[in-house]
Amino acid sequence: MGWRYLLWGVLLGGCSVIVGQQEPTVVGRPCDSASKCLEGSVCFEGTCRLVDAGVGGGAATAGGAATAGGAATAGGAATAGGAATAGGAATAGGAADAGTPACRTATERTDCPLEQVCEAGRCVLGCRTNADCIANGGVTQTCCTPGSACGPSAAAPLGVCFVPQWFQRQIPLGQTPPARVDGAMTFDTQRGFVVLYSGQTGASRLNDLWEYDGGVGWSNRAAPRPGTGLRYPSMVFDQSRNVTVLYGGADDTNGAANHLTQANHWNGTSWAMPTAENGAIGTGPGRRIQFPMLYDSLRQRVVMLYGTGGENPGACGLPSASCTDVWSLTSTGWTQISVVGATRPAETLFSNSVVYDSRRDRLLLWRPASQSSVETWLFDPTGRTWAQLSGTQVSTDRQKAVLVYDPRRERTLLIGGPTFRESPRYLEVWSLPSAAADWSLENAASRGTGLDPEPTTLPYAVYDSLHGRVVVFTSDSRRHTWVYGGP
């Protein structure tokens, strides 16, 4: 009981080699009369305790330091020693539990359990190396290196860092949606399904709905929405009501007629158009295409913003066809959010991408200002103000990219985006951590090696919160399904 085994996982030719190594019991961990506690501590009442907590003369030697499980392997996997345990974890506020022992200096981390470090004389939640990571109270505190993620996931267990990669799903074409452009896709967090609706193929609008559960194939739900298919609609899952909300789009080629101006709901079985929510036609955002929607989990509401009225001058109350307004939708209907101040992103004829950063409670908007310029903007839902984010930006000559927020890694990911001339582009993954101001390219090393998806013009991408990964459908003739993060 007093001896622990530290597991070192070394990736050798795809096989794991486990090596046993005995270590003294760490301060704060259970022990018995046969246990060997770290130098400077003794086994007292079933727990290794400091001989004289707070007295510098009793400090553990450097030679007695407990390792954190070792360095990560080339594949990004760390050893099992970095896994957080239930007992001895610090509280959500970061303070140590009452039973957690005192420690002496910030450098003598051997005084604390493996999932804690010494700060201001007390053991608090933290990582010892950048090879382990901690999950506490549903909020991941990670010490992984930039570009890696903290398990658990399909690629790594709890407390182990791993490097996200692309994995292709081998799905027969007969079990994949038809090729399309300008449709809409979201993730149903209640049922665990990716939901893909409508779009255009050739000169025809598709009025179909497909779902993907992360397994071997897509399912055609054969549940067409009343009316016709749409081009340029937007769709998001409303977690407060467990329905997919569809809005906007038009059923002609140039977006000049037959707009969907009322919200439709898909509950996994059938479509509905709730009268109380929509109210009278003309009381909501009105005719709109090429606009993003997202779900604000803190305020339990759908948010939609910007977009264009197609060839409809006068859309959203402006003399031009482009919009700069912000709206929210709940069960009681649409409400326009009054933006404070004159600072805001300019209207654009190109598709903006927006995501809700739940870690920082903000909306993040990415827009191609021109062929040679891209911008990142932040919207504060509380103060209702916009601010432009300075720092390193995503590479230019890009449009129609997709944003997703990865809550496990606490960062926004930008996926793909063709050039302004609609030329295909590799599915680059750009990353912006919630606490940072600079974008960086995550998959630069594997791009074009055959390990990443082939170049495509218009990917559909969503974050699969059930499995902790991004799901991408390449809507060109190949119709491939990829996942990014873990298999």
Protein backbone atom coordinates (compact mmCIF):
# COMPACT_ATOMS: atom_id res chain seq x y z
CA MET A 1 0.00 0.00 0.00
CA GLY A 2 2.87 2.32 0.76
CA TRP A 3 4.59 1.55 -2.51
CA ARG A 4 3.22 2.96 -5.76
CA TYR A 5 3.93 1.89 -9.28
CA LEU A 6 4.56 4.58 -11.83
CA LEU A 7 3.56 3.53 -15.33
CA TRP A 8 5.69 4.76 -18.18
CA GLY A 9 3.98 4.33 -21.55
CA VAL A 10 6.52 4.40 -24.35
CA LEU A 11 5.26 4.19 -27.89
CA LEU A 12 7.49 1.77 -29.78
CA GLY A 13 6.28 0.76 -33.22
CA GLY A 14 2.64 1.09 -32.14
CA CYS A 15 3.10 -1.07 -28.99
CA SER A 16 3.10 0.13 -25.37
CA VAL A 17 5.88 -1.00 -23.04
CA ILE A 18 5.12 -0.79 -19.32
CA VAL A 19 8.00 -0.45 -16.90
CA GLY A 20 7.48 -0.69 -13.12
CA GLN A 21 9.33 1.66 -10.80
CA GLN A 22 8.88 1.88 -7.03
CA GLU A 23 8.66 5.27 -5.36
CA PRO A 24 8.27 6.57 -1.83
CA THR A 25 4.74 7.57 -0.90
CA VAL A 26 4.01 11.26 -1.49
CA VAL A 27 2.99 13.52 1.37
CA GLY A 28 -0.77 13.51 1.78
CA ARG A 29 -1.22 9.98 0.40
CA PRO A 30 -2.23 6.86 2.45
CA CYS A 31 0.52 4.80 4.09
CA ASP A 32 1.05 2.01 6.65
CA SER A 33 3.80 0.79 8.90
CA ALA A 34 5.63 -0.78 5.93
CA SER A 35 5.47 2.38 3.83
CA LYS A 36 8.42 4.54 2.97
CA CYS A 37 7.35 8.18 2.94
CA LEU A 38 9.39 10.85 1.25
CA GLU A 39 12.34 12.23 3.21
CA GLY A 40 11.16 14.82 5.68
CA SER A 41 7.83 13.08 6.28
CA VAL A 42 6.55 10.14 8.31
CA CYS A 43 3.52 7.85 8.27
CA PHE A 44 1.11 9.23 10.87
CA GLU A 45 -2.52 8.11 11.33
CA GLY A 46 -2.51 6.35 7.94
CA THR A 47 -1.13 9.31 5.93
CA CYS A 48 2.37 10.49 5.03
CA ARG A 49 2.78 13.82 6.84
CA LEU A 50 5.57 16.35 7.18
CA VAL A 51 7.70 15.99 10.28
CA ASP A 52 7.28 19.66 11.05
CA ALA A 53 5.05 21.43 8.51
CA GLY A 54 6.25 24.93 7.80
CA VAL A 55 9.80 24.42 9.14
CA GLY A 56 12.43 24.75 6.43
CA GLY A 57 14.83 22.32 8.08
CA GLY A 58 12.56 19.39 7.28
CA ALA A 59 12.38 19.92 3.52
CA ALA A 60 12.43 16.88 1.26
CA THR A 61 15.59 16.47 -0.76
CA ALA A 62 15.65 17.00 -4.48
CA GLY A 63 16.52 13.35 -4.91
CA GLY A 64 13.23 12.40 -3.30
CA ALA A 65 11.09 14.35 -5.74
CA ALA A 66 8.22 12.37 -7.19
CA THR A 67 8.09 12.35 -10.91
CA ALA A 68 4.99 13.49 -12.78
CA GLY A 69 4.74 10.47 -14.93
CA GLY A 70 7.44 11.28 -17.44
CA ALA A 71 7.67 13.21 -20.67
CA ALA A 72 5.08 12.78 -23.42
CA THR A 73 5.91 10.39 -26.20
CA ALA A 74 6.31 11.53 -29.81
CA GLY A 75 2.62 10.80 -30.35
CA GLY A 76 1.72 13.21 -27.61
CA ALA A 77 0.68 10.65 -24.97
CA ALA A 78 1.94 11.16 -21.43
CA THR A 79 2.29 8.54 -18.75
CA ALA A 80 -0.54 7.49 -16.52
CA GLY A 81 1.03 9.18 -13.52
CA GLY A 82 -0.46 12.54 -14.44
CA ALA A 83 -4.06 11.47 -13.91
CA ALA A 84 -6.00 13.51 -11.37
CA THR A 85 -7.56 11.65 -8.45
CA ALA A 86 -10.82 12.35 -6.71
CA GLY A 87 -9.34 12.71 -3.23
CA GLY A 88 -7.11 15.68 -2.49
CA ALA A 89 -8.24 17.78 -5.46
CA ALA A 90 -8.48 21.46 -4.73
CA THR A 91 -11.83 23.19 -4.63
CA ALA A 92 -13.20 25.02 -7.67
CA GLY A 93 -11.85 28.28 -6.34
CA GLY A 94 -8.33 26.86 -6.27
CA ALA A 95 -7.98 26.63 -2.48
CA ALA A 96 -6.81 23.37 -0.97
CA ASP A 97 -9.25 21.19 0.97
CA ALA A 98 -9.00 21.26 4.73
CA GLY A 99 -7.37 17.84 4.73
CA THR A 100 -4.69 18.80 2.21
CA PRO A 101 -1.28 19.15 3.88
CA ALA A 102 0.71 22.32 4.09
CA CYS A 103 3.83 22.65 1.98
CA ARG A 104 6.95 24.70 2.34
CA THR A 105 8.07 26.34 -0.89
CA ALA A 106 6.81 26.71 -4.41
CA THR A 107 9.76 24.69 -5.67
CA GLU A 108 9.39 21.72 -3.32
CA ARG A 109 6.39 20.13 -5.02
CA THR A 110 7.05 16.75 -3.46
CA ASP A 111 5.14 17.94 -0.40
CA CYS A 112 1.87 17.77 -2.39
CA PRO A 113 -0.02 14.95 -4.15
CA LEU A 114 0.76 14.44 -7.82
CA GLU A 115 -2.22 16.50 -8.97
CA GLN A 116 -1.29 19.48 -6.78
CA VAL A 117 1.51 22.02 -6.49
CA CYS A 118 2.70 24.19 -3.63
CA GLU A 119 1.61 27.82 -3.71
CA ALA A 120 1.86 30.21 -0.74
CA GLY A 121 2.44 27.33 1.64
CA ARG A 122 -0.63 25.31 0.66
CA CYS A 123 -1.21 22.53 -1.86
CA VAL A 124 -3.47 23.64 -4.72
CA LEU A 125 -4.58 22.09 -7.99
CA GLY A 126 -1.88 22.19 -10.65
CA CYS A 127 0.38 20.22 -12.98
CA ARG A 128 4.01 19.35 -12.47
CA THR A 129 5.01 19.10 -16.13
CA ASN A 130 3.55 19.87 -19.53
CA ALA A 131 2.99 16.15 -20.03
CA ASP A 132 0.14 15.72 -17.56
CA CYS A 133 -3.15 17.56 -17.16
CA ILE A 134 -6.02 17.82 -14.71
CA ALA A 135 -9.80 17.71 -15.05
CA ASN A 136 -11.52 19.21 -12.01
CA GLY A 137 -15.22 19.89 -11.59
CA GLY A 138 -15.83 19.66 -15.31
CA VAL A 139 -13.37 22.48 -16.03
CA THR A 140 -10.10 21.38 -17.55
CA GLN A 141 -6.94 22.90 -16.15
CA THR A 142 -4.26 21.80 -18.52
CA CYS A 143 -0.49 22.02 -18.56
CA CYS A 144 -0.22 20.45 -21.99
CA THR A 145 2.01 22.08 -24.57
CA PRO A 146 0.36 24.37 -27.16
CA GLY A 147 -1.50 22.37 -29.78
CA SER A 148 -2.11 19.37 -27.54
CA ALA A 149 -5.22 18.53 -25.54
CA CYS A 150 -6.07 17.01 -22.18
CA GLY A 151 -7.77 13.61 -21.94
CA PRO A 152 -10.09 11.91 -21.49
CA SER A 153 -10.89 11.43 -25.14
CA ALA A 154 -11.03 8.64 -27.67
CA ALA A 155 -7.27 9.16 -28.09
CA ALA A 156 -6.14 9.32 -24.47
CA PRO A 157 -7.30 8.54 -20.91
CA LEU A 158 -7.92 10.99 -18.09
CA GLY A 159 -4.91 13.12 -17.22
CA VAL A 160 -2.93 12.38 -20.37
CA CYS A 161 -1.98 14.96 -23.01
CA PHE A 162 -2.44 14.09 -26.65
CA VAL A 163 -1.95 15.82 -30.00
CA PRO A 164 -5.18 16.24 -32.05
CA GLN A 165 -5.07 14.62 -35.49
CA TRP A 166 -7.34 14.07 -38.48
CA PHE A 167 -9.05 10.69 -38.88
CA GLN A 168 -11.16 9.77 -41.91
CA ARG A 169 -14.35 7.80 -41.44
CA GLN A 170 -14.54 5.05 -44.07
CA ILE A 171 -18.21 5.45 -45.03
CA PRO A 172 -19.64 4.07 -48.31
CA LEU A 173 -20.96 6.78 -50.62
CA GLY A 174 -24.39 5.16 -50.44
CA GLN A 175 -24.49 6.10 -46.76
CA THR A 176 -23.36 9.72 -47.11
CA PRO A 177 -25.35 12.87 -48.00
CA PRO A 178 -25.28 14.10 -51.61
CA ALA A 179 -22.72 16.76 -52.53
CA ARG A 180 -23.99 20.26 -51.80
CA VAL A 181 -23.08 23.88 -51.14
CA ASP A 182 -24.67 26.56 -48.97
CA GLY A 183 -26.53 24.23 -46.59
CA ALA A 184 -26.44 24.19 -42.78
CA MET A 185 -25.02 21.82 -40.15
CA THR A 186 -25.13 21.71 -36.33
CA PHE A 187 -24.66 19.26 -33.43
CA ASP A 188 -27.59 18.00 -31.37
CA THR A 189 -26.08 17.79 -27.86
CA GLN A 190 -29.16 16.05 -26.47
CA ARG A 191 -29.15 13.07 -28.85
CA GLY A 192 -25.48 13.16 -29.85
CA PHE A 193 -26.10 13.58 -33.60
CA VAL A 194 -24.60 15.80 -36.29
CA VAL A 195 -27.52 17.30 -38.24
CA LEU A 196 -27.12 18.41 -41.89
CA TYR A 197 -29.93 20.16 -43.76
CA SER A 198 -30.60 21.42 -47.29
CA GLY A 199 -28.27 23.37 -49.57
CA GLN A 200 -27.88 23.40 -53.31
CA THR A 201 -26.60 20.90 -55.85
CA GLY A 202 -26.38 22.19 -59.39
CA ALA A 203 -29.45 24.35 -59.94
CA SER A 204 -31.62 22.46 -57.44
CA ARG A 205 -32.29 23.11 -53.75
CA LEU A 206 -32.16 20.01 -51.56
CA ASN A 207 -34.97 19.56 -49.06
CA ASP A 208 -33.36 16.70 -47.15
CA LEU A 209 -32.08 16.11 -43.61
CA TRP A 210 -29.22 13.77 -42.66
CA GLU A 211 -27.88 12.75 -39.27
CA TYR A 212 -24.54 11.25 -38.21
CA ASP A 213 -24.03 9.58 -34.82
CA GLY A 214 -20.26 9.24 -35.08
CA GLY A 215 -20.45 5.61 -36.18
CA VAL A 216 -20.30 3.86 -39.52
CA GLY A 217 -22.62 5.97 -41.62
CA TRP A 218 -25.07 8.83 -42.09
CA SER A 219 -28.86 8.35 -41.91
CA ASN A 220 -31.30 10.01 -44.30
CA ARG A 221 -34.19 10.93 -42.05
CA ALA A 222 -36.57 11.35 -45.01
CA ALA A 223 -38.29 14.17 -43.14
CA PRO A 224 -38.44 17.13 -45.52
CA ARG A 225 -39.38 20.47 -44.05
CA PRO A 226 -42.71 21.82 -45.32
CA GLY A 227 -42.00 23.93 -48.39
CA THR A 228 -38.90 23.77 -50.52
CA GLY A 229 -35.21 23.36 -49.88
CA LEU A 230 -33.12 26.39 -48.98
CA ARG A 231 -29.83 27.97 -49.93
CA TYR A 232 -27.82 29.91 -47.31
CA PRO A 233 -29.95 29.11 -44.22
CA SER A 234 -28.44 28.91 -40.74
CA MET A 235 -29.01 26.29 -38.07
CA VAL A 236 -28.08 25.87 -34.38
CA PHE A 237 -29.07 23.57 -31.53
CA ASP A 238 -30.99 25.24 -28.68
CA GLN A 239 -29.88 23.36 -25.56
CA SER A 240 -32.54 24.93 -23.34
CA ARG A 241 -35.36 23.42 -25.43
CA ASN A 242 -33.53 20.48 -27.02
CA VAL A 243 -34.47 21.43 -30.58
CA THR A 244 -32.51 22.37 -33.68
CA VAL A 245 -33.48 25.88 -34.80
CA LEU A 246 -33.48 26.68 -38.54
CA TYR A 247 -33.83 30.22 -39.86
CA GLY A 248 -33.29 32.21 -43.04
CA GLY A 249 -32.18 31.14 -46.47
CA ALA A 250 -34.01 31.40 -49.78
CA ASP A 251 -35.29 28.91 -52.32
CA ASP A 252 -33.97 30.60 -55.44
CA THR A 253 -30.49 31.02 -56.86
CA ASN A 254 -29.71 34.64 -56.00
CA GLY A 255 -31.57 34.98 -52.71
CA ALA A 256 -34.13 37.45 -54.00
CA ALA A 257 -37.34 35.61 -53.15
CA ASN A 258 -39.16 33.20 -50.84
CA HIS A 259 -37.06 33.71 -47.73
CA LEU A 260 -37.68 31.66 -44.60
CA THR A 261 -38.56 34.45 -42.15
CA GLN A 262 -39.82 32.28 -39.30
CA ALA A 263 -37.86 29.89 -37.09
CA ASN A 264 -38.42 26.18 -37.68
CA HIS A 265 -37.70 23.49 -35.09
CA TRP A 266 -36.42 19.95 -35.67
CA ASN A 267 -36.84 17.74 -32.59
CA GLY A 268 -35.28 14.60 -34.02
CA THR A 269 -38.58 13.30 -35.36
CA SER A 270 -40.50 16.09 -37.07
CA TRP A 271 -40.48 19.77 -38.01
CA ALA A 272 -42.56 22.47 -36.29
CA MET A 273 -43.03 26.23 -36.62
CA PRO A 274 -44.03 27.56 -33.18
CA THR A 275 -46.46 30.45 -33.55
CA ALA A 276 -45.83 32.02 -30.15
CA GLU A 277 -42.09 32.18 -30.74
CA ASN A 278 -42.24 33.67 -34.23
CA GLY A 279 -45.06 36.18 -33.75
CA ALA A 280 -46.16 38.23 -36.70
CA ILE A 281 -44.10 38.12 -39.87
CA GLY A 282 -41.83 41.15 -39.96
CA THR A 283 -41.25 41.35 -36.19
CA GLY A 284 -37.99 39.38 -36.31
CA PRO A 285 -34.73 39.75 -38.23
CA GLY A 286 -36.56 39.45 -41.56
CA ARG A 287 -35.16 38.23 -44.87
CA ARG A 288 -31.61 37.06 -44.50
CA ILE A 289 -29.00 34.77 -46.06
CA GLN A 290 -25.28 34.12 -45.39
CA PHE A 291 -25.48 34.83 -41.66
CA PRO A 292 -24.26 32.88 -38.60
CA MET A 293 -26.22 31.69 -35.57
CA LEU A 294 -24.90 30.38 -32.26
CA TYR A 295 -26.14 29.31 -28.85
CA ASP A 296 -25.37 31.44 -25.78
CA SER A 297 -25.32 28.77 -23.06
CA LEU A 298 -25.04 31.26 -20.17
CA ARG A 299 -28.20 33.17 -21.14
CA GLN A 300 -29.91 30.17 -22.74
CA ARG A 301 -30.71 31.88 -26.01
CA VAL A 302 -29.99 31.65 -29.72
CA VAL A 303 -28.07 34.59 -31.20
CA MET A 304 -27.95 35.55 -34.88
CA LEU A 305 -26.14 38.49 -36.43
CA TYR A 306 -25.08 40.21 -39.63
CA GLY A 307 -25.72 38.51 -42.98
CA THR A 308 -27.23 39.93 -46.13
CA GLY A 309 -30.63 40.25 -47.73
CA GLY A 310 -29.32 38.91 -51.03
CA GLU A 311 -30.77 41.11 -53.77
CA ASN A 312 -33.23 42.71 -51.36
CA PRO A 313 -32.24 46.32 -50.65
CA GLY A 314 -33.87 47.39 -47.41
CA ALA A 315 -33.20 44.16 -45.55
CA CYS A 316 -32.57 44.65 -41.80
CA GLY A 317 -33.58 48.29 -42.09
CA LEU A 318 -30.54 49.37 -44.10
CA PRO A 319 -30.55 50.90 -47.59
CA SER A 320 -27.97 48.33 -48.68
CA ALA A 321 -28.35 44.58 -48.75
CA SER A 322 -25.90 43.87 -45.88
CA CYS A 323 -26.71 43.85 -42.17
CA THR A 324 -24.83 44.75 -38.98
CA ASP A 325 -27.53 44.00 -36.39
CA VAL A 326 -27.61 41.42 -33.56
CA TRP A 327 -30.69 39.43 -32.48
CA SER A 328 -31.55 36.88 -29.78
CA LEU A 329 -34.26 34.20 -29.86
CA THR A 330 -35.99 32.44 -26.95
CA SER A 331 -39.35 30.74 -26.53
CA THR A 332 -40.95 34.19 -26.20
CA GLY A 333 -39.70 35.40 -29.58
CA TRP A 334 -37.05 37.55 -31.23
CA THR A 335 -35.38 40.51 -29.49
CA GLN A 336 -32.95 42.90 -31.14
CA ILE A 337 -29.82 43.46 -29.06
CA SER A 338 -28.90 47.14 -29.02
CA VAL A 339 -25.15 47.44 -29.58
CA VAL A 340 -23.45 50.12 -27.47
CA GLY A 341 -21.08 52.50 -29.24
CA ALA A 342 -20.12 52.97 -32.86
CA THR A 343 -17.23 50.47 -32.89
CA ARG A 344 -18.26 47.29 -34.65
CA PRO A 345 -17.26 45.08 -37.59
CA ALA A 346 -18.15 46.55 -40.96
CA GLU A 347 -20.86 44.96 -43.07
CA THR A 348 -19.51 42.42 -45.51
CA LEU A 349 -20.65 40.66 -48.64
CA PHE A 350 -18.68 37.59 -47.60
CA SER A 351 -19.70 35.03 -45.00
CA ASN A 352 -18.76 35.88 -41.42
CA SER A 353 -18.15 33.09 -38.93
CA VAL A 354 -19.14 33.39 -35.27
CA VAL A 355 -18.77 31.19 -32.20
CA TYR A 356 -19.60 31.51 -28.50
CA ASP A 357 -16.56 31.27 -26.23
CA SER A 358 -18.12 29.85 -23.06
CA ARG A 359 -14.83 30.13 -21.14
CA ARG A 360 -14.71 33.92 -21.50
CA ASP A 361 -18.44 34.55 -22.09
CA ARG A 362 -18.00 36.33 -25.39
CA LEU A 363 -18.87 36.04 -29.05
CA LEU A 364 -15.92 35.74 -31.43
CA LEU A 365 -16.43 36.82 -35.03
CA TRP A 366 -13.98 36.16 -37.84
CA ARG A 367 -14.45 38.01 -41.12
CA PRO A 368 -12.58 38.38 -44.42
CA ALA A 369 -12.45 42.15 -44.75
CA SER A 370 -10.96 41.78 -48.24
CA GLN A 371 -8.85 39.37 -50.23
CA SER A 372 -5.74 40.65 -48.46
CA SER A 373 -7.15 41.30 -44.98
CA VAL A 374 -8.92 39.28 -42.28
CA GLU A 375 -10.20 40.45 -38.89
CA THR A 376 -11.18 38.96 -35.53
CA TRP A 377 -13.76 40.73 -33.37
CA LEU A 378 -15.08 40.11 -29.84
CA PHE A 379 -18.61 40.92 -28.66
CA ASP A 380 -19.34 41.31 -24.95
CA PRO A 381 -22.93 40.08 -24.37
CA THR A 382 -23.15 41.90 -21.03
CA GLY A 383 -21.83 45.30 -22.07
CA ARG A 384 -23.12 44.82 -25.67
CA THR A 385 -19.90 46.23 -27.13
CA TRP A 386 -17.60 45.16 -29.96
CA ALA A 387 -13.80 45.24 -29.81
CA GLN A 388 -11.33 44.22 -32.50
CA LEU A 389 -8.74 41.66 -31.43
CA SER A 390 -5.21 42.64 -32.31
CA GLY A 391 -2.52 40.03 -32.76
CA THR A 392 -1.47 37.47 -35.32
CA GLN A 393 -4.31 36.71 -37.72
CA VAL A 394 -5.26 33.74 -39.87
CA SER A 395 -3.67 33.77 -43.33
CA THR A 396 -5.47 35.92 -45.92
CA ASP A 397 -7.18 35.18 -49.26
CA ARG A 398 -9.74 33.08 -47.38
CA GLN A 399 -13.52 33.11 -47.08
CA LYS A 400 -16.36 30.88 -45.83
CA ALA A 401 -14.21 29.37 -43.09
CA VAL A 402 -15.98 27.66 -40.18
CA LEU A 403 -15.48 28.45 -36.49
CA VAL A 404 -16.05 25.94 -33.68
CA TYR A 405 -15.32 26.28 -29.97
CA ASP A 406 -13.50 23.43 -28.22
CA PRO A 407 -14.41 23.69 -24.51
CA ARG A 408 -12.06 20.89 -23.45
CA ARG A 409 -9.07 22.73 -24.85
CA GLU A 410 -10.54 26.18 -24.17
CA ARG A 411 -9.89 27.53 -27.64
CA THR A 412 -11.60 28.56 -30.85
CA LEU A 413 -10.73 26.58 -33.98
CA LEU A 414 -11.03 27.91 -37.53
CA ILE A 415 -11.48 25.19 -40.16
CA GLY A 416 -10.66 25.51 -43.86
CA GLY A 417 -12.10 28.17 -46.14
CA PRO A 418 -11.55 28.45 -49.92
CA THR A 419 -9.77 31.34 -51.59
CA PHE A 420 -11.67 34.36 -52.89
CA ARG A 421 -11.71 32.71 -56.29
CA GLU A 422 -13.31 29.60 -54.74
CA SER A 423 -10.12 27.55 -55.17
CA PRO A 424 -9.93 24.49 -52.89
CA ARG A 425 -7.77 24.66 -49.81
CA TYR A 426 -6.41 22.07 -47.40
CA LEU A 427 -8.43 21.83 -44.20
CA GLU A 428 -6.09 23.96 -42.17
CA VAL A 429 -6.88 24.16 -38.46
CA TRP A 430 -6.10 27.52 -36.89
CA SER A 431 -6.25 27.83 -33.11
CA LEU A 432 -6.99 30.79 -30.82
CA PRO A 433 -6.84 29.93 -27.08
CA SER A 434 -9.40 31.78 -24.94
CA ALA A 435 -6.65 33.54 -23.01
CA ALA A 436 -4.59 34.52 -26.10
CA ALA A 437 -4.68 37.13 -28.85
CA ASP A 438 -2.74 35.30 -31.57
CA TRP A 439 -3.97 32.69 -34.03
CA SER A 440 -1.61 29.81 -34.83
CA LEU A 441 -1.73 26.99 -37.38
CA GLU A 442 -2.08 23.65 -35.57
CA ASN A 443 -1.68 21.11 -38.37
CA ALA A 444 1.10 22.72 -40.43
CA ALA A 445 3.37 19.65 -40.23
CA SER A 446 0.84 17.16 -41.63
CA ARG A 447 -0.72 19.39 -44.30
CA GLY A 448 -0.39 17.81 -47.74
CA THR A 449 1.18 14.61 -46.41
CA GLY A 450 -1.90 12.47 -46.98
CA LEU A 451 -2.67 12.43 -43.26
CA ASP A 452 -4.99 15.43 -43.55
CA PRO A 453 -8.21 15.83 -45.56
CA GLU A 454 -7.82 16.59 -49.25
CA PRO A 455 -8.32 20.20 -50.44
CA THR A 456 -11.98 21.20 -50.54
CA THR A 457 -13.93 24.34 -51.26
CA LEU A 458 -16.70 24.37 -48.65
CA PRO A 459 -16.43 22.15 -45.57
CA TYR A 460 -19.21 21.78 -43.03
CA ALA A 461 -17.81 21.55 -39.49
CA VAL A 462 -19.28 21.25 -35.98
CA TYR A 463 -17.94 20.40 -32.53
CA ASP A 464 -19.08 16.99 -31.27
CA SER A 465 -19.29 17.59 -27.50
CA LEU A 466 -20.18 13.95 -26.83
CA HIS A 467 -16.83 12.67 -28.13
CA GLY A 468 -14.76 15.85 -27.72
CA ARG A 469 -13.82 16.31 -31.39
CA VAL A 470 -14.61 18.25 -34.56
CA VAL A 471 -16.67 16.54 -37.28
CA VAL A 472 -16.21 17.72 -40.88
CA PHE A 473 -18.21 16.79 -43.98
CA THR A 474 -16.48 17.74 -47.25
CA SER A 475 -19.43 18.64 -49.40
CA ASP A 476 -17.70 18.22 -52.77
CA SER A 477 -18.01 15.14 -54.99
CA ARG A 478 -15.82 13.05 -52.63
CA ARG A 479 -18.32 13.49 -49.76
CA HIS A 480 -15.84 12.44 -47.09
CA THR A 481 -16.40 12.54 -43.33
CA TRP A 482 -13.44 13.43 -41.11
CA VAL A 483 -12.98 13.94 -37.38
CA TYR A 484 -10.32 16.12 -35.77
CA GLY A 485 -9.12 15.49 -32.23
CA GLY A 486 -9.24 11.75 -31.69
CA PRO A 487 -10.47 8.64 -33.50
